Amino acid sequence: MKIRKISYIVILILLGFQINLELYAQDTFPDGSHIPAWFSQFKPTDISNLGKKYIITDYGVKIDSNTVQTKQIQSIIDNAAKNGGGVIIVPKGTFLSGSLFFKQNTHLFLEKDAVLKGSDDIADFRIVPTRIEGQTLNYFAALVNADSIDGFTISGRGTINGNGHRYWRAFWLRRKWNPKCTNMDEQRPRLLYVSNCKNITISGVKLINSPFWTSHYYKCESLKILGVYIYAPNKKTGTPSPSSDGIDLDVCSNVLIKNCYISVNDDGICLKGGKGPNADKDSNNGCNKNIIIEDNTIDECPALTLGSESVHTYNVIFRRCNLKNAHNLLLLKMRPDTPQRHEYILVEDITGSSRVFLNISPWTQFFDLKGQTQPKSTASSIVMRNCKVECNTFISVKSSTQYQLKDFTFENLEIIAKNGSFDKTLIQNCKWKDIKVNSSKINSPVSLISEVSHQKLNVN
């Protein structure tokens, strides 16, 4: 009888898996191309098949939150790489480190209650050629770095803690002294930087308190970020963590971001790719393509941002996410000094609250035309449908000769908004179907929604 029950369970699991595959098999990207089955496979990393296990405390590393042990931990990574690879295991306890560099066939696993903590002394981070703010230059390495690896993974139930408080205080003090200081004027490392890699999986771990961007992926292909908790404080929850972007995708293709929680003091998920008048001609730059972002919770930060360092965005799906007082659901930062093209973007089945549902405007912070003529940008083939969102402002679009907006579709939206007004003439070929704002149905021919503000909202 037990065997029969087990057989039934196995059959049900297999049927569920088959149904899931079939659903993805019927699914398409916004441009109509088929979504590969790869996107339907999202199991956490199983380290049992990844080679020898290197528990760092077995190799002389002490449980110590005050002593920097970069050299000792790096020595274990190097030894593993030299001997065919394996899993670097951080056990329960706190371990302080500067920049670490993973190599081919090495992986990182953090046990429950394990903490890999970044040093708050910038001198513990190497200066290396890297990618930062749409440029390739010498800058500080991240706490965890992986470059030119096929099959890199970070997994477990532990925490990578950037220990950013000292960096944040220094940044805000510098900004008070010099309001024009840029992000890189105050020296601080990122938490995680993965570049030129294929078949990467980051699953289960917590990434918190980054001094700068939390996780940055550059020229990566086939990347999965699954069930990751990403947090850095904002002014409501502590010292605001400047530029602590949750996930930055920079010239990446085939990316799945699923079942994550993101709450930071800057962009939650941001698509980058280069900046400057000739950014589209620089081989270091490029397109973010075939991105699926689904089943995530985004709390107190912009949800999905395209720009400001962006050249081309193509085939992005943002769906089934819950927003908790997000700053913007979809934000397009149209940079005046960079030719940008955003196309084939689908936003659907979003619930929750956001200060602005759709926000499009010029992004003029620190831009530089370098004496050249202002380039033109476009955003087209953008669909927002089947959403039920409470917000302060429904749609905020600033008119500009810098960019052209066309072929937008808004369909089956239930919006509660303090400001529900929107001039559809700002977007060429703007399609409008089954839209309710503050319970009033908006008919398709109407080009300007009257402002209605009698709802009690939970959005700040």
Protein backbone atom coordinates (compact mmCIF):
# COMPACT_ATOMS: atom_id res chain seq x y z
CA MET A 1 0.00 0.00 0.00
CA LYS A 2 2.85 2.36 0.88
CA ILE A 3 4.54 1.62 -2.44
CA ARG A 4 1.33 2.47 -4.29
CA LYS A 5 1.02 5.78 -2.39
CA ILE A 6 4.61 6.68 -3.20
CA SER A 7 3.98 5.81 -6.85
CA TYR A 8 0.97 8.13 -6.93
CA ILE A 9 3.04 10.95 -5.40
CA VAL A 10 5.82 10.46 -7.94
CA ILE A 11 3.28 10.47 -10.78
CA LEU A 12 1.70 13.69 -9.49
CA ILE A 13 5.10 15.37 -9.20
CA LEU A 14 5.99 14.31 -12.73
CA LEU A 15 2.62 15.49 -14.04
CA GLY A 16 3.10 18.86 -12.32
CA PHE A 17 6.55 19.17 -13.86
CA GLN A 18 5.16 18.22 -17.27
CA ILE A 19 2.34 20.78 -16.98
CA ASN A 20 4.86 23.44 -16.03
CA LEU A 21 7.00 22.59 -19.05
CA GLU A 22 3.93 22.67 -21.30
CA LEU A 23 2.94 26.10 -19.97
CA TYR A 24 6.38 27.46 -20.79
CA ALA A 25 6.33 25.66 -24.14
CA GLN A 26 3.23 27.69 -25.05
CA ASP A 27 4.76 30.89 -23.73
CA THR A 28 6.49 33.45 -25.93
CA PHE A 29 8.66 36.49 -25.48
CA PRO A 30 7.11 39.88 -26.35
CA ASP A 31 8.56 39.73 -29.87
CA GLY A 32 6.72 36.43 -30.45
CA SER A 33 9.78 34.17 -30.24
CA HIS A 34 9.59 30.91 -28.27
CA ILE A 35 10.68 30.86 -24.62
CA PRO A 36 13.13 27.95 -24.19
CA ALA A 37 12.43 25.20 -21.64
CA TRP A 38 15.52 26.39 -19.73
CA PHE A 39 13.36 29.11 -18.16
CA SER A 40 10.99 26.50 -16.66
CA GLN A 41 13.71 24.82 -14.63
CA PHE A 42 14.29 26.59 -11.35
CA LYS A 43 15.43 24.13 -8.73
CA PRO A 44 17.95 25.43 -6.15
CA THR A 45 21.55 24.34 -6.60
CA ASP A 46 22.42 20.81 -5.46
CA ILE A 47 26.05 20.90 -4.33
CA SER A 48 26.34 17.10 -4.03
CA ASN A 49 27.58 16.88 -7.63
CA LEU A 50 29.90 19.87 -7.60
CA GLY A 51 33.04 18.20 -6.35
CA LYS A 52 35.03 18.17 -3.15
CA LYS A 53 33.71 20.13 -0.16
CA TYR A 54 36.13 22.63 1.37
CA ILE A 55 34.77 23.70 4.78
CA ILE A 56 36.85 26.80 5.45
CA THR A 57 37.26 26.11 9.18
CA ASP A 58 38.98 22.83 8.27
CA TYR A 59 41.70 24.87 6.57
CA GLY A 60 42.67 27.28 9.32
CA VAL A 61 39.99 29.96 8.99
CA LYS A 62 38.66 31.05 12.39
CA ILE A 63 35.14 32.03 13.35
CA ASP A 64 35.91 35.69 13.98
CA SER A 65 33.92 38.80 13.09
CA ASN A 66 36.81 41.17 13.84
CA THR A 67 39.84 39.68 12.05
CA VAL A 68 40.10 40.03 8.28
CA GLN A 69 40.91 36.62 6.78
CA THR A 70 40.95 37.37 3.05
CA LYS A 71 44.26 35.63 2.35
CA GLN A 72 43.27 32.45 4.16
CA ILE A 73 39.91 32.15 2.37
CA GLN A 74 41.40 33.01 -1.02
CA SER A 75 44.06 30.35 -0.49
CA ILE A 76 41.31 27.73 -0.09
CA ILE A 77 39.62 28.89 -3.33
CA ASP A 78 42.95 28.78 -5.20
CA ASN A 79 43.76 25.32 -3.84
CA ALA A 80 40.34 23.99 -4.87
CA ALA A 81 40.76 25.42 -8.39
CA LYS A 82 44.23 23.88 -8.71
CA ASN A 83 42.88 20.46 -7.73
CA GLY A 84 39.92 20.26 -10.08
CA GLY A 85 37.46 22.50 -8.27
CA GLY A 86 34.89 22.05 -5.55
CA VAL A 87 32.57 23.85 -3.15
CA ILE A 88 33.88 26.43 -0.70
CA ILE A 89 31.64 25.99 2.33
CA VAL A 90 31.16 28.75 4.90
CA PRO A 91 29.85 27.08 8.08
CA LYS A 92 27.80 28.63 10.89
CA GLY A 93 29.55 31.70 12.25
CA THR A 94 30.81 35.08 11.03
CA PHE A 95 33.91 35.44 8.84
CA LEU A 96 35.37 38.83 7.89
CA SER A 97 36.98 39.30 4.48
CA GLY A 98 38.03 41.66 1.72
CA SER A 99 37.71 40.90 -1.99
CA LEU A 100 37.56 37.20 -2.94
CA PHE A 101 37.95 35.81 -6.46
CA PHE A 102 36.32 32.56 -7.52
CA LYS A 103 37.76 30.53 -10.40
CA GLN A 104 36.59 27.87 -12.86
CA ASN A 105 34.93 24.87 -11.15
CA THR A 106 34.77 26.58 -7.75
CA HIS A 107 31.49 27.36 -6.01
CA LEU A 108 30.33 29.13 -2.85
CA PHE A 109 27.93 27.57 -0.33
CA LEU A 110 26.81 29.24 2.90
CA GLU A 111 25.27 27.07 5.59
CA LYS A 112 22.36 28.30 7.69
CA ASP A 113 23.55 31.01 10.12
CA ALA A 114 26.80 31.41 8.17
CA VAL A 115 27.85 35.00 7.49
CA LEU A 116 30.54 36.08 5.03
CA LYS A 117 31.02 39.68 6.12
CA GLY A 118 32.80 42.39 4.17
CA SER A 119 35.49 44.51 5.75
CA ASP A 120 34.56 48.15 6.29
CA ASP A 121 38.12 49.19 5.41
CA ILE A 122 38.41 49.92 1.67
CA ALA A 123 42.10 48.99 1.81
CA ASP A 124 41.00 45.34 2.06
CA PHE A 125 39.60 45.49 -1.48
CA ARG A 126 41.85 45.19 -4.53
CA ILE A 127 41.78 47.68 -7.38
CA VAL A 128 41.20 45.74 -10.60
CA PRO A 129 39.97 46.35 -14.17
CA THR A 130 36.20 46.13 -13.83
CA ARG A 131 32.89 47.44 -15.14
CA ILE A 132 31.15 50.17 -13.17
CA GLU A 133 28.53 52.79 -14.11
CA GLY A 134 28.59 51.93 -17.80
CA GLN A 135 32.37 52.16 -18.07
CA THR A 136 35.29 49.74 -18.05
CA LEU A 137 38.04 51.06 -15.78
CA ASN A 138 40.12 50.36 -12.69
CA TYR A 139 38.00 50.31 -9.57
CA PHE A 140 37.56 48.37 -6.34
CA ALA A 141 36.66 44.70 -6.65
CA ALA A 142 33.49 43.46 -5.00
CA LEU A 143 33.43 41.30 -1.86
CA VAL A 144 32.66 38.23 -4.01
CA ASN A 145 33.91 38.18 -7.61
CA ALA A 146 33.64 35.62 -10.42
CA ASP A 147 34.99 36.18 -13.92
CA SER A 148 35.06 34.00 -17.06
CA ILE A 149 33.53 30.95 -15.36
CA ASP A 150 31.16 28.44 -16.90
CA GLY A 151 28.82 26.98 -14.25
CA PHE A 152 29.46 29.22 -11.23
CA THR A 153 27.02 28.92 -8.30
CA ILE A 154 26.35 30.58 -4.97
CA SER A 155 23.85 28.75 -2.80
CA GLY A 156 22.75 27.87 0.73
CA ARG A 157 20.75 29.52 3.51
CA GLY A 158 23.48 31.80 4.82
CA THR A 159 24.25 35.49 4.37
CA ILE A 160 26.73 37.65 2.49
CA ASN A 161 26.78 40.87 4.50
CA GLY A 162 28.44 43.91 2.94
CA ASN A 163 28.78 45.65 6.32
CA GLY A 164 28.06 48.94 4.58
CA HIS A 165 27.21 51.29 7.45
CA ARG A 166 30.60 53.00 7.60
CA TYR A 167 30.65 53.48 3.81
CA TRP A 168 27.13 54.92 3.79
CA ARG A 169 27.92 57.46 6.52
CA ALA A 170 31.09 58.52 4.70
CA PHE A 171 29.18 58.93 1.43
CA TRP A 172 26.45 61.13 2.91
CA LEU A 173 29.03 63.24 4.73
CA ARG A 174 30.94 63.74 1.48
CA ARG A 175 27.70 64.58 -0.39
CA LYS A 176 26.90 67.17 2.32
CA TRP A 177 30.36 68.71 1.86
CA ASN A 178 30.20 68.46 -1.95
CA PRO A 179 26.64 68.06 -3.33
CA LYS A 180 28.07 67.37 -6.80
CA CYS A 181 30.13 64.34 -5.79
CA THR A 182 29.38 61.23 -7.88
CA ASN A 183 28.76 57.68 -6.72
CA MET A 184 32.38 56.69 -7.33
CA ASP A 185 33.90 59.71 -5.58
CA GLU A 186 33.44 57.94 -2.26
CA GLN A 187 35.41 54.68 -2.37
CA ARG A 188 33.22 51.65 -1.71
CA PRO A 189 32.93 48.09 -3.05
CA ARG A 190 29.97 46.20 -4.45
CA LEU A 191 28.77 43.06 -2.70
CA LEU A 192 28.72 40.63 -5.67
CA TYR A 193 30.19 41.06 -9.16
CA VAL A 194 29.90 38.32 -11.80
CA SER A 195 31.34 39.02 -15.26
CA ASN A 196 31.83 37.19 -18.57
CA CYS A 197 30.26 34.04 -17.14
CA LYS A 198 27.84 31.41 -18.46
CA ASN A 199 25.36 29.11 -16.69
CA ILE A 200 25.32 30.91 -13.37
CA THR A 201 22.90 30.16 -10.52
CA ILE A 202 22.55 32.28 -7.39
CA SER A 203 20.00 30.65 -5.08
CA GLY A 204 18.65 30.79 -1.55
CA VAL A 205 21.18 33.12 0.04
CA LYS A 206 20.75 36.54 1.65
CA LEU A 207 22.62 39.52 0.20
CA ILE A 208 22.44 42.43 2.63
CA ASN A 209 23.92 45.81 3.54
CA SER A 210 26.02 46.35 0.42
CA PRO A 211 28.29 49.42 0.49
CA PHE A 212 27.45 50.08 -3.20
CA TRP A 213 25.44 48.04 -5.76
CA THR A 214 24.32 44.77 -4.20
CA SER A 215 24.71 42.43 -7.18
CA HIS A 216 26.10 43.32 -10.61
CA TYR A 217 26.16 40.93 -13.58
CA TYR A 218 28.15 41.98 -16.65
CA LYS A 219 28.18 40.13 -19.97
CA CYS A 220 26.62 37.04 -18.42
CA GLU A 221 24.65 34.44 -20.34
CA SER A 222 22.15 31.95 -18.89
CA LEU A 223 21.83 33.43 -15.41
CA LYS A 224 19.32 32.32 -12.77
CA ILE A 225 18.69 34.24 -9.55
CA LEU A 226 16.32 32.12 -7.46
CA GLY A 227 14.82 32.75 -4.04
CA VAL A 228 17.44 35.32 -3.05
CA TYR A 229 16.75 37.81 -0.25
CA ILE A 230 18.25 41.24 -1.01
CA TYR A 231 18.15 44.03 1.54
CA ALA A 232 19.78 47.39 2.31
CA PRO A 233 18.15 50.05 4.50
CA ASN A 234 16.37 53.21 3.38
CA LYS A 235 15.58 56.31 5.40
CA LYS A 236 12.60 54.54 7.00
CA THR A 237 14.60 51.58 8.23
CA GLY A 238 18.02 53.08 9.06
CA THR A 239 20.88 54.99 7.46
CA PRO A 240 19.97 55.15 3.75
CA SER A 241 22.29 52.95 1.69
CA PRO A 242 23.22 55.05 -1.38
CA SER A 243 23.14 53.31 -4.78
CA SER A 244 22.48 49.90 -3.24
CA ASP A 245 20.73 48.55 -6.40
CA GLY A 246 19.40 45.05 -5.78
CA ILE A 247 20.15 43.43 -9.15
CA ASP A 248 21.98 45.19 -11.98
CA LEU A 249 21.97 43.40 -15.34
CA ASP A 250 24.61 44.83 -17.64
CA VAL A 251 24.77 43.41 -21.21
CA CYS A 252 23.23 40.07 -20.16
CA SER A 253 21.12 37.54 -22.07
CA ASN A 254 18.81 34.72 -21.00
CA VAL A 255 18.14 35.69 -17.40
CA LEU A 256 15.55 34.35 -14.94
CA ILE A 257 14.91 36.25 -11.68
CA LYS A 258 12.34 34.32 -9.65
CA ASN A 259 10.95 34.14 -6.10
CA CYS A 260 13.23 36.87 -4.77
CA TYR A 261 12.63 39.56 -2.14
CA ILE A 262 14.22 42.93 -2.86
CA SER A 263 14.23 46.03 -0.64
CA VAL A 264 17.04 48.54 -1.17
CA ASN A 265 17.60 52.29 -1.26
CA ASP A 266 17.91 52.55 -5.04
CA ASP A 267 16.71 50.54 -8.06
CA GLY A 268 15.37 47.09 -7.23
CA ILE A 269 16.12 45.54 -10.63
CA CYS A 270 17.98 47.72 -13.11
CA LEU A 271 18.95 47.01 -16.73
CA LYS A 272 22.18 48.71 -17.74
CA GLY A 273 24.47 48.48 -20.76
CA GLY A 274 26.61 51.57 -21.33
CA LYS A 275 26.49 55.35 -21.52
CA GLY A 276 27.78 58.21 -23.65
CA PRO A 277 27.08 59.59 -27.16
CA ASN A 278 28.88 56.66 -28.84
CA ALA A 279 27.83 53.98 -26.36
CA ASP A 280 26.09 51.94 -29.06
CA LYS A 281 29.37 51.64 -30.98
CA ASP A 282 31.49 50.45 -28.04
CA SER A 283 32.01 46.66 -27.91
CA ASN A 284 32.12 46.83 -24.10
CA ASN A 285 28.46 47.82 -24.18
CA GLY A 286 25.40 46.08 -25.54
CA CYS A 287 21.90 44.72 -25.13
CA ASN A 288 20.05 43.12 -22.25
CA LYS A 289 17.99 40.45 -24.00
CA ASN A 290 15.52 37.69 -23.08
CA ILE A 291 14.93 38.55 -19.43
CA ILE A 292 12.12 37.01 -17.33
CA ILE A 293 11.42 38.51 -13.90
CA GLU A 294 8.59 36.71 -12.12
CA ASP A 295 7.02 35.88 -8.74
CA ASN A 296 9.12 38.38 -6.77
CA THR A 297 8.30 40.79 -3.94
CA ILE A 298 9.72 44.29 -4.29
CA ASP A 299 9.50 46.54 -1.26
CA GLU A 300 10.13 50.29 -0.89
CA CYS A 301 12.24 50.79 -4.05
CA PRO A 302 11.78 51.18 -7.82
CA ALA A 303 10.69 47.78 -9.16
CA LEU A 304 12.00 47.61 -12.74
CA THR A 305 14.25 50.35 -14.12
CA LEU A 306 15.50 50.63 -17.70
CA GLY A 307 18.54 52.94 -17.63
CA SER A 308 20.13 55.26 -16.87
CA GLU A 309 23.22 53.52 -18.30
CA SER A 310 21.47 51.60 -21.03
CA VAL A 311 21.89 51.18 -24.77
CA HIS A 312 19.38 48.49 -25.77
CA THR A 313 16.68 46.51 -23.96
CA TYR A 314 14.95 43.71 -25.87
CA ASN A 315 12.43 41.04 -24.81
CA VAL A 316 11.77 41.61 -21.12
CA ILE A 317 8.91 40.02 -19.18
CA PHE A 318 8.05 41.37 -15.71
CA ARG A 319 5.13 39.39 -14.28
CA ARG A 320 3.32 38.04 -11.20
CA CYS A 321 5.23 40.30 -8.84
CA ASN A 322 3.90 41.91 -5.67
CA LEU A 323 4.88 45.49 -4.92
CA LYS A 324 4.96 47.02 -1.45
CA ASN A 325 5.08 50.79 -1.78
CA ALA A 326 7.50 50.54 -4.71
CA HIS A 327 8.69 53.91 -5.96
CA ASN A 328 7.88 53.05 -9.59
CA LEU A 329 6.50 49.92 -11.18
CA LEU A 330 8.23 50.61 -14.52
CA LEU A 331 10.76 53.45 -14.73
CA LEU A 332 12.46 54.52 -17.96
CA LYS A 333 15.45 56.79 -17.34
CA MET A 334 15.99 58.38 -20.74
CA ARG A 335 19.56 59.67 -20.61
CA PRO A 336 20.13 62.76 -22.85
CA ASP A 337 23.75 61.86 -23.69
CA THR A 338 23.14 58.21 -24.66
CA PRO A 339 21.30 56.62 -27.62
CA GLN A 340 18.79 54.26 -25.96
CA ARG A 341 16.39 51.73 -27.41
CA HIS A 342 13.86 49.93 -25.22
CA GLU A 343 11.58 47.53 -27.08
CA TYR A 344 9.37 44.50 -26.54
CA ILE A 345 8.68 44.93 -22.84
CA LEU A 346 5.76 43.09 -21.19
CA VAL A 347 4.50 43.95 -17.70
CA GLU A 348 1.60 41.80 -16.52
CA ASP A 349 -0.22 40.42 -13.47
CA ILE A 350 1.33 42.90 -11.03
CA THR A 351 -0.39 43.60 -7.71
CA GLY A 352 0.24 45.84 -4.72
CA SER A 353 1.21 49.48 -4.33
CA SER A 354 3.60 51.80 -6.15
CA ARG A 355 4.02 55.54 -5.98
CA VAL A 356 4.00 55.70 -9.80
CA PHE A 357 2.68 53.02 -12.15
CA LEU A 358 4.67 54.11 -15.23
CA ASN A 359 7.33 56.81 -15.13
CA ILE A 360 9.22 58.08 -18.22
CA SER A 361 11.42 61.16 -18.10
CA PRO A 362 14.86 62.52 -19.06
CA TRP A 363 17.65 61.46 -16.68
CA THR A 364 20.03 64.40 -16.45
CA GLN A 365 22.22 63.52 -13.46
CA PHE A 366 25.91 63.77 -14.39
CA PHE A 367 25.26 63.45 -18.14
CA ASP A 368 27.94 64.60 -20.59
CA LEU A 369 27.52 65.05 -24.35
CA LYS A 370 31.30 65.39 -24.76
CA GLY A 371 30.74 68.18 -27.29
CA GLN A 372 28.60 65.99 -29.56
CA THR A 373 25.04 66.35 -30.84
CA GLN A 374 22.37 64.94 -28.58
CA PRO A 375 21.49 61.40 -29.70
CA LYS A 376 17.89 60.26 -30.16
CA SER A 377 16.27 57.44 -28.19
CA THR A 378 13.12 55.34 -28.53
CA ALA A 379 10.83 53.24 -26.36
CA SER A 380 8.36 51.07 -28.25
CA SER A 381 6.27 47.90 -28.15
CA ILE A 382 5.63 48.14 -24.42
CA VAL A 383 2.59 46.31 -23.00
CA MET A 384 1.20 46.72 -19.46
CA ARG A 385 -1.79 44.50 -18.73
CA ASN A 386 -3.77 42.59 -16.10
CA CYS A 387 -2.49 44.68 -13.20
CA LYS A 388 -4.23 45.78 -10.02
CA VAL A 389 -2.18 48.52 -8.40
CA GLU A 390 -2.70 51.33 -5.91
CA CYS A 391 -0.55 54.40 -6.54
CA ASN A 392 -0.13 58.12 -6.11
CA THR A 393 0.32 58.76 -9.83
CA PHE A 394 -0.96 56.48 -12.57
CA ILE A 395 1.24 57.53 -15.48
CA SER A 396 3.94 60.19 -15.47
CA VAL A 397 5.38 60.86 -18.93
CA LYS A 398 7.48 63.94 -19.64
CA SER A 399 7.46 65.13 -23.21
CA SER A 400 10.92 65.55 -24.77
CA THR A 401 12.43 65.99 -28.22
CA GLN A 402 15.19 63.70 -26.97
CA TYR A 403 13.12 60.52 -27.32
CA GLN A 404 10.18 59.02 -29.18
CA LEU A 405 7.54 56.90 -27.43
CA LYS A 406 5.33 54.70 -29.59
CA ASP A 407 3.25 51.51 -29.74
CA PHE A 408 2.31 51.22 -26.06
CA THR A 409 -0.63 49.03 -24.99
CA PHE A 410 -2.50 49.37 -21.68
CA GLU A 411 -5.06 46.64 -21.11
CA ASN A 412 -7.21 45.33 -18.24
CA LEU A 413 -5.83 47.60 -15.52
CA GLU A 414 -7.49 48.36 -12.19
CA ILE A 415 -5.83 51.45 -10.79
CA ILE A 416 -6.52 53.39 -7.62
CA ALA A 417 -4.68 56.69 -7.87
CA LYS A 418 -4.55 60.12 -6.28
CA ASN A 419 -3.63 61.43 -9.71
CA GLY A 420 -5.22 59.41 -12.52
CA SER A 421 -4.60 61.93 -15.31
CA PHE A 422 -2.68 61.01 -18.44
CA ASP A 423 -2.43 62.61 -21.85
CA LYS A 424 -2.29 59.72 -24.34
CA THR A 425 -1.09 62.03 -27.10
CA LEU A 426 2.38 61.90 -25.52
CA ILE A 427 2.72 58.35 -26.90
CA GLN A 428 2.25 57.59 -30.58
CA ASN A 429 -0.20 54.76 -31.27
CA CYS A 430 -1.23 54.33 -27.64
CA LYS A 431 -3.78 51.52 -27.32
CA TRP A 432 -6.17 51.58 -24.41
CA LYS A 433 -8.60 48.80 -23.40
CA ASP A 434 -10.57 47.91 -20.25
CA ILE A 435 -8.97 50.47 -17.95
CA LYS A 436 -10.49 51.41 -14.60
CA VAL A 437 -9.16 54.33 -12.58
CA ASN A 438 -10.70 54.78 -9.15
CA SER A 439 -13.49 52.36 -10.19
CA SER A 440 -14.42 54.47 -13.24
CA LYS A 441 -14.05 52.83 -16.62
CA ILE A 442 -12.00 54.89 -19.07
CA ASN A 443 -13.21 54.61 -22.63
CA SER A 444 -10.71 54.11 -25.45
CA PRO A 445 -11.33 57.39 -27.34
CA VAL A 446 -10.56 59.56 -24.32
CA SER A 447 -7.11 61.14 -24.56
CA LEU A 448 -7.09 62.83 -21.18
CA ILE A 449 -8.27 61.26 -17.96
CA SER A 450 -9.68 63.72 -15.51
CA GLU A 451 -7.93 63.91 -12.19
CA VAL A 452 -9.76 62.09 -9.41
CA SER A 453 -8.54 62.08 -5.82
CA HIS A 454 -11.01 60.81 -3.27
CA GLN A 455 -9.51 57.44 -2.37
CA LYS A 456 -7.69 56.68 0.87
CA LEU A 457 -4.37 55.19 -0.21
CA ASN A 458 -1.68 53.21 1.56
CA VAL A 459 1.03 54.55 -0.73
CA ASN A 460 3.44 57.14 0.70
